[in-house]
Amino acid sequence: MGVLDGKVALVTGAGRGLGRSHALAMAKEGAKVVVNDVGVEWDGTGQATGPAEDTVRDIKNLGSDAVANYESVSSFQGAKNMVDTAINTFGKLDILVNNAGFLRDRMTFKMTEEEWDPVVEVHLKGTFNTARWFMAYLRDQAKAGNPIKGRIINTISHAGIIGSPGQPNYSAAKAGIACLTMLWAREMDKYGMTCNGICPLARTRLTTQTDAVSGMFAEAEEGKFDEMAPENISPLVVYLASDAAQDITGHVFSIRGGKMEVFQSWQVLNSIDIGRRWEVSEIGERIRELGDLGMPPIVF
């Protein structure tokens, strides 16, 4: 018996890396999987059916079932087709894992529209597109008296939580997804759906292409625990997708190797209230009472 027996999952970007790992882990726990992948390179160029087909083959070799889908998450209609593929093939859809994405890094003062727009489109708009159609399906099911314990698991990034120099497009998109994660948890709570996010630290095509951090993701020495293996992330995704996680929603988790953490959303750290309008000079005199206002530290 697996914790996802009888469930149907849609995993975007499931042809390689984290998405492939998630799809296989879900299949091992009994889920049937729609394997979505356009088959692009790490920078969004090209297209191939092979990655999705490979994952489908490996899932079937595990004794579960899967179907490939080659739509782009950046397409509103394409995202609907993904959801429809699950319903038409397996009769329903219980779980959505938003994972698809690519990078086009550049410092902000050098970035072009051609580097900004596609990255924001695939990450932020793509996450919205798939969730929009899945949430509409769940709402219709609930209204028809057929409630499903729906799950959305969004892939965020530490870049979206603390910012990553040289990745303004990616960081902004991931920050937007973090906000949507909390928002969707509130919007869909009455329909029995949960929504959570993960900030994975693992070795993928994307992390090894980022010069500033690529050294962090080197493979471990033989015989030692490989804390950067993408397979380390998937158990959390599987658990959040299970019925046991019905009471967990609206949170963003970080996971690296064996270390799991949960972030808190934006909160007021300190405050000063003088009970009237501030004068500019008064702000200058008192603003530092709020705390250390220099560059925030980066903590992993």
Protein backbone atom coordinates (compact mmCIF):
# COMPACT_ATOMS: atom_id res chain seq x y z
CA MET A 1 0.00 0.00 0.00
CA GLY A 2 1.28 3.46 -0.89
CA VAL A 3 0.28 6.78 0.65
CA LEU A 4 -0.97 7.94 -2.77
CA ASP A 5 -2.91 4.83 -3.79
CA GLY A 6 -5.85 5.83 -5.98
CA LYS A 7 -4.55 9.36 -6.54
CA VAL A 8 -3.90 11.06 -9.87
CA ALA A 9 -1.12 13.65 -10.11
CA LEU A 10 -0.05 16.18 -12.72
CA VAL A 11 3.63 17.08 -12.49
CA THR A 12 4.96 19.82 -14.76
CA GLY A 13 8.56 19.75 -15.92
CA ALA A 14 8.63 16.05 -15.04
CA GLY A 15 11.00 14.91 -17.78
CA ARG A 16 14.19 15.67 -15.88
CA GLY A 17 15.58 16.77 -12.52
CA LEU A 18 13.24 17.51 -9.63
CA GLY A 19 10.06 16.99 -11.62
CA ARG A 20 11.14 13.54 -12.77
CA SER A 21 12.12 12.65 -9.20
CA HIS A 22 8.73 13.80 -7.89
CA ALA A 23 6.83 11.87 -10.58
CA LEU A 24 8.71 8.65 -9.86
CA ALA A 25 8.33 9.04 -6.09
CA MET A 26 4.59 9.57 -6.46
CA ALA A 27 4.27 6.56 -8.74
CA LYS A 28 6.12 4.41 -6.19
CA GLU A 29 3.49 5.46 -3.64
CA GLY A 30 0.64 4.42 -5.91
CA ALA A 31 -0.26 7.54 -7.90
CA LYS A 32 -1.01 7.64 -11.59
CA VAL A 33 0.85 10.52 -13.18
CA VAL A 34 0.45 12.97 -16.05
CA VAL A 35 4.07 13.68 -16.98
CA ASN A 36 4.22 17.15 -18.50
CA ASP A 37 7.41 18.33 -20.17
CA VAL A 38 8.08 20.40 -23.28
CA GLY A 39 11.62 19.09 -23.41
CA VAL A 40 13.43 22.42 -23.51
CA GLU A 41 17.04 23.06 -22.55
CA TRP A 42 17.95 24.77 -19.25
CA ASP A 43 17.53 28.19 -20.93
CA GLY A 44 14.16 27.44 -22.51
CA THR A 45 15.41 26.77 -26.02
CA GLY A 46 14.59 23.73 -28.12
CA GLN A 47 11.86 21.15 -27.70
CA ALA A 48 11.77 17.35 -27.40
CA THR A 49 9.31 14.62 -26.48
CA GLY A 50 11.99 12.25 -25.19
CA PRO A 51 12.25 13.46 -21.56
CA ALA A 52 8.52 13.06 -20.84
CA GLU A 53 8.40 9.72 -22.63
CA ASP A 54 11.38 8.43 -20.63
CA THR A 55 9.68 9.28 -17.34
CA VAL A 56 6.44 7.63 -18.46
CA ARG A 57 8.33 4.47 -19.39
CA ASP A 58 10.09 4.36 -16.03
CA ILE A 59 6.82 4.86 -14.14
CA LYS A 60 5.20 1.99 -16.02
CA ASN A 61 8.23 -0.17 -15.24
CA LEU A 62 7.47 0.51 -11.56
CA GLY A 63 4.04 -1.01 -12.04
CA SER A 64 2.08 2.25 -11.99
CA ASP A 65 0.54 4.14 -14.90
CA ALA A 66 1.39 7.43 -16.60
CA VAL A 67 0.73 9.46 -19.70
CA ALA A 68 2.92 12.08 -21.36
CA ASN A 69 1.84 15.64 -22.08
CA TYR A 70 3.94 18.07 -24.11
CA GLU A 71 2.03 21.34 -23.61
CA SER A 72 3.77 24.48 -22.38
CA VAL A 73 2.66 25.76 -18.97
CA SER A 74 2.97 29.29 -20.37
CA SER A 75 -0.09 28.57 -22.56
CA PHE A 76 -3.42 29.21 -20.84
CA GLN A 77 -5.20 26.70 -23.10
CA GLY A 78 -2.27 24.32 -22.89
CA ALA A 79 -2.61 24.25 -19.11
CA LYS A 80 -6.29 23.39 -19.45
CA ASN A 81 -5.34 20.57 -21.79
CA MET A 82 -3.01 19.16 -19.11
CA VAL A 83 -5.83 19.04 -16.57
CA ASP A 84 -8.17 17.57 -19.19
CA THR A 85 -5.57 14.92 -20.03
CA ALA A 86 -5.62 13.71 -16.44
CA ILE A 87 -9.41 13.65 -16.24
CA ASN A 88 -9.91 12.04 -19.66
CA THR A 89 -7.21 9.42 -19.10
CA PHE A 90 -7.58 8.55 -15.42
CA GLY A 91 -11.03 9.89 -14.54
CA LYS A 92 -9.97 12.64 -12.14
CA LEU A 93 -7.12 14.83 -10.87
CA ASP A 94 -6.12 15.06 -7.20
CA ILE A 95 -2.63 16.58 -7.15
CA LEU A 96 -0.85 19.35 -9.04
CA VAL A 97 2.90 19.81 -8.68
CA ASN A 98 4.10 23.01 -10.38
CA ASN A 99 7.75 22.48 -11.21
CA ALA A 100 8.41 23.54 -14.83
CA GLY A 101 10.85 26.34 -15.48
CA PHE A 102 14.09 27.56 -16.98
CA LEU A 103 16.64 30.33 -16.48
CA ARG A 104 17.96 33.30 -18.41
CA ASP A 105 20.24 35.02 -15.93
CA ARG A 106 21.57 38.55 -16.21
CA MET A 107 22.16 41.47 -13.89
CA THR A 108 19.18 43.82 -13.93
CA PHE A 109 21.06 46.66 -15.61
CA LYS A 110 21.91 44.35 -18.54
CA MET A 111 18.71 42.31 -18.80
CA THR A 112 16.60 42.45 -21.96
CA GLU A 113 12.89 41.91 -22.44
CA GLU A 114 13.71 38.61 -24.16
CA GLU A 115 15.40 37.48 -20.95
CA TRP A 116 12.79 38.86 -18.55
CA ASP A 117 9.47 37.96 -20.18
CA PRO A 118 9.87 34.23 -20.92
CA VAL A 119 11.21 33.43 -17.44
CA VAL A 120 8.38 35.28 -15.69
CA GLU A 121 5.94 33.69 -18.11
CA VAL A 122 6.99 30.08 -17.54
CA HIS A 123 7.38 30.33 -13.76
CA LEU A 124 4.74 32.81 -12.57
CA LYS A 125 2.17 32.71 -15.35
CA GLY A 126 2.73 29.00 -15.86
CA THR A 127 2.02 28.28 -12.21
CA PHE A 128 -1.12 30.41 -12.40
CA ASN A 129 -2.29 28.72 -15.60
CA THR A 130 -2.22 25.16 -14.30
CA ALA A 131 -3.58 26.09 -10.87
CA ARG A 132 -6.41 28.13 -12.36
CA TRP A 133 -7.82 25.17 -14.30
CA PHE A 134 -7.19 22.66 -11.52
CA MET A 135 -8.87 24.88 -8.93
CA ALA A 136 -11.88 25.39 -11.20
CA TYR A 137 -12.15 21.61 -11.56
CA LEU A 138 -11.97 21.09 -7.79
CA ARG A 139 -14.60 23.77 -7.17
CA ASP A 140 -16.94 22.17 -9.71
CA GLN A 141 -16.45 18.77 -8.08
CA ALA A 142 -17.21 20.17 -4.63
CA LYS A 143 -20.34 21.94 -5.85
CA ALA A 144 -21.48 18.68 -7.48
CA GLY A 145 -21.12 16.89 -4.16
CA ASN A 146 -17.97 15.04 -5.21
CA PRO A 147 -15.30 16.61 -3.01
CA ILE A 148 -11.68 15.75 -3.72
CA LYS A 149 -8.86 16.33 -1.26
CA GLY A 150 -7.01 18.49 -3.76
CA ARG A 151 -3.35 19.35 -3.41
CA ILE A 152 -1.22 22.03 -5.03
CA ILE A 153 2.52 21.96 -4.37
CA ASN A 154 4.38 24.90 -5.90
CA THR A 155 8.10 25.04 -6.52
CA ILE A 156 9.47 28.30 -5.21
CA SER A 157 13.13 29.08 -4.55
CA HIS A 158 15.33 30.73 -1.98
CA ALA A 159 15.89 33.27 -4.77
CA GLY A 160 12.25 34.30 -4.38
CA ILE A 161 12.49 34.54 -0.60
CA ILE A 162 15.76 36.46 -0.21
CA GLY A 163 16.59 37.57 -3.78
CA SER A 164 19.43 36.31 -5.97
CA PRO A 165 21.68 38.88 -7.72
CA GLY A 166 21.79 38.19 -11.43
CA GLN A 167 18.37 36.54 -11.37
CA PRO A 168 15.85 39.39 -11.14
CA ASN A 169 13.37 37.67 -13.48
CA TYR A 170 13.54 34.32 -11.69
CA SER A 171 13.57 35.84 -8.19
CA ALA A 172 10.56 38.05 -8.90
CA ALA A 173 8.59 35.17 -10.40
CA LYS A 174 9.33 32.86 -7.49
CA ALA A 175 8.37 35.55 -4.97
CA GLY A 176 5.08 35.89 -6.79
CA ILE A 177 4.53 32.14 -6.56
CA ALA A 178 5.18 32.27 -2.80
CA CYS A 179 2.42 34.87 -2.47
CA LEU A 180 0.04 32.86 -4.65
CA THR A 181 0.70 29.81 -2.50
CA MET A 182 -0.63 31.58 0.59
CA LEU A 183 -3.47 33.17 -1.37
CA TRP A 184 -4.67 29.91 -2.93
CA ALA A 185 -4.62 28.17 0.44
CA ARG A 186 -7.13 30.79 1.65
CA GLU A 187 -9.22 30.82 -1.53
CA MET A 188 -9.67 27.06 -1.67
CA ASP A 189 -9.80 26.07 1.99
CA LYS A 190 -13.59 25.69 1.97
CA TYR A 191 -13.30 23.25 -0.95
CA GLY A 192 -10.90 20.97 0.91
CA MET A 193 -7.84 21.89 -1.14
CA THR A 194 -4.44 22.60 0.39
CA CYS A 195 -1.65 24.59 -1.20
CA ASN A 196 1.97 24.61 -0.07
CA GLY A 197 5.32 25.56 -1.55
CA ILE A 198 8.79 24.09 -1.44
CA CYS A 199 12.14 25.82 -1.74
CA PRO A 200 14.40 22.96 -2.81
CA LEU A 201 18.18 23.02 -2.63
CA ALA A 202 19.31 20.29 -4.97
CA ARG A 203 21.51 19.60 -7.97
CA THR A 204 19.61 20.18 -11.21
CA ARG A 205 20.34 21.59 -14.65
CA LEU A 206 19.32 25.01 -13.38
CA THR A 207 21.44 25.12 -10.25
CA THR A 208 24.57 23.92 -12.02
CA GLN A 209 24.17 26.70 -14.59
CA THR A 210 24.14 29.45 -11.95
CA ASP A 211 27.76 30.52 -11.52
CA ALA A 212 27.29 32.14 -8.12
CA VAL A 213 26.11 28.94 -6.44
CA SER A 214 27.09 26.07 -8.76
CA GLY A 215 29.91 24.99 -6.44
CA MET A 216 27.37 24.25 -3.71
CA PHE A 217 25.85 21.48 -5.80
CA ALA A 218 28.85 19.29 -6.51
CA GLU A 219 28.31 15.55 -6.22
CA ALA A 220 29.25 13.94 -2.90
CA GLU A 221 32.23 11.69 -2.53
CA GLU A 222 31.50 8.01 -3.07
CA GLY A 223 29.98 6.42 0.01
CA LYS A 224 28.87 9.70 1.55
CA PHE A 225 25.34 11.09 1.78
CA ASP A 226 24.68 13.21 -1.30
CA GLU A 227 22.74 16.07 0.26
CA MET A 228 22.25 17.74 -3.11
CA ALA A 229 20.60 14.78 -4.85
CA PRO A 230 17.19 15.80 -6.25
CA GLU A 231 15.67 12.61 -4.80
CA ASN A 232 16.07 14.14 -1.32
CA ILE A 233 13.33 16.65 -2.10
CA SER A 234 10.60 14.29 -3.29
CA PRO A 235 9.56 12.68 0.03
CA LEU A 236 8.31 16.08 1.23
CA VAL A 237 6.35 16.56 -2.00
CA VAL A 238 4.81 13.10 -1.65
CA TYR A 239 3.84 13.71 1.97
CA LEU A 240 2.26 17.10 1.24
CA ALA A 241 0.28 15.41 -1.54
CA SER A 242 -1.08 12.72 0.78
CA ASP A 243 -4.26 12.69 2.83
CA ALA A 244 -2.14 12.83 5.99
CA ALA A 245 -1.26 16.46 5.17
CA GLN A 246 -4.87 17.72 5.06
CA ASP A 247 -4.18 20.10 7.96
CA ILE A 248 -1.04 21.64 6.39
CA THR A 249 -1.71 24.54 4.05
CA GLY A 250 -0.43 27.98 3.09
CA HIS A 251 3.19 27.28 4.04
CA VAL A 252 6.55 27.43 2.28
CA PHE A 253 9.07 24.76 3.22
CA SER A 254 12.79 24.60 2.55
CA ILE A 255 14.46 21.23 2.15
CA ARG A 256 18.12 20.39 1.57
CA GLY A 257 19.44 16.89 2.08
CA GLY A 258 18.15 15.91 5.51
CA LYS A 259 17.39 19.46 6.65
CA MET A 260 13.77 20.65 6.51
CA GLU A 261 12.63 24.15 7.48
CA VAL A 262 9.50 26.27 7.23
CA PHE A 263 9.47 29.96 6.38
CA GLN A 264 7.24 32.61 7.90
CA SER A 265 5.48 35.08 5.66
CA TRP A 266 6.15 38.82 5.87
CA GLN A 267 5.51 40.07 9.38
CA VAL A 268 5.96 43.34 11.26
CA LEU A 269 9.32 43.11 13.04
CA ASN A 270 9.13 46.37 15.05
CA SER A 271 6.94 49.46 15.05
CA ILE A 272 6.81 53.06 16.28
CA ASP A 273 3.54 54.99 16.50
CA ILE A 274 3.61 58.71 17.40
CA GLY A 275 -0.15 59.18 16.95
CA ARG A 276 0.13 61.91 14.31
CA ARG A 277 1.73 62.61 10.93
CA TRP A 278 5.50 62.22 10.87
CA GLU A 279 7.86 65.03 10.03
CA VAL A 280 10.75 64.09 7.74
CA SER A 281 13.28 65.12 10.38
CA GLU A 282 11.56 62.93 12.99
CA ILE A 283 11.78 59.91 10.72
CA GLY A 284 15.49 60.54 10.33
CA GLU A 285 15.89 60.71 14.09
CA ARG A 286 13.92 57.58 14.93
CA ILE A 287 13.80 55.16 11.97
CA ARG A 288 16.82 53.18 13.22
CA GLU A 289 14.91 52.35 16.38
CA LEU A 290 13.14 49.80 14.21
CA GLY A 291 16.32 47.71 14.09
CA ASP A 292 19.38 47.06 11.95
CA LEU A 293 18.37 48.48 8.56
CA GLY A 294 21.51 47.55 6.62
CA MET A 295 21.67 44.75 4.04
CA PRO A 296 19.68 41.78 5.37
CA PRO A 297 21.77 38.64 5.92
CA ILE A 298 21.48 35.68 3.59
CA VAL A 299 20.75 32.50 5.50
CA PHE A 300 20.52 29.01 3.99
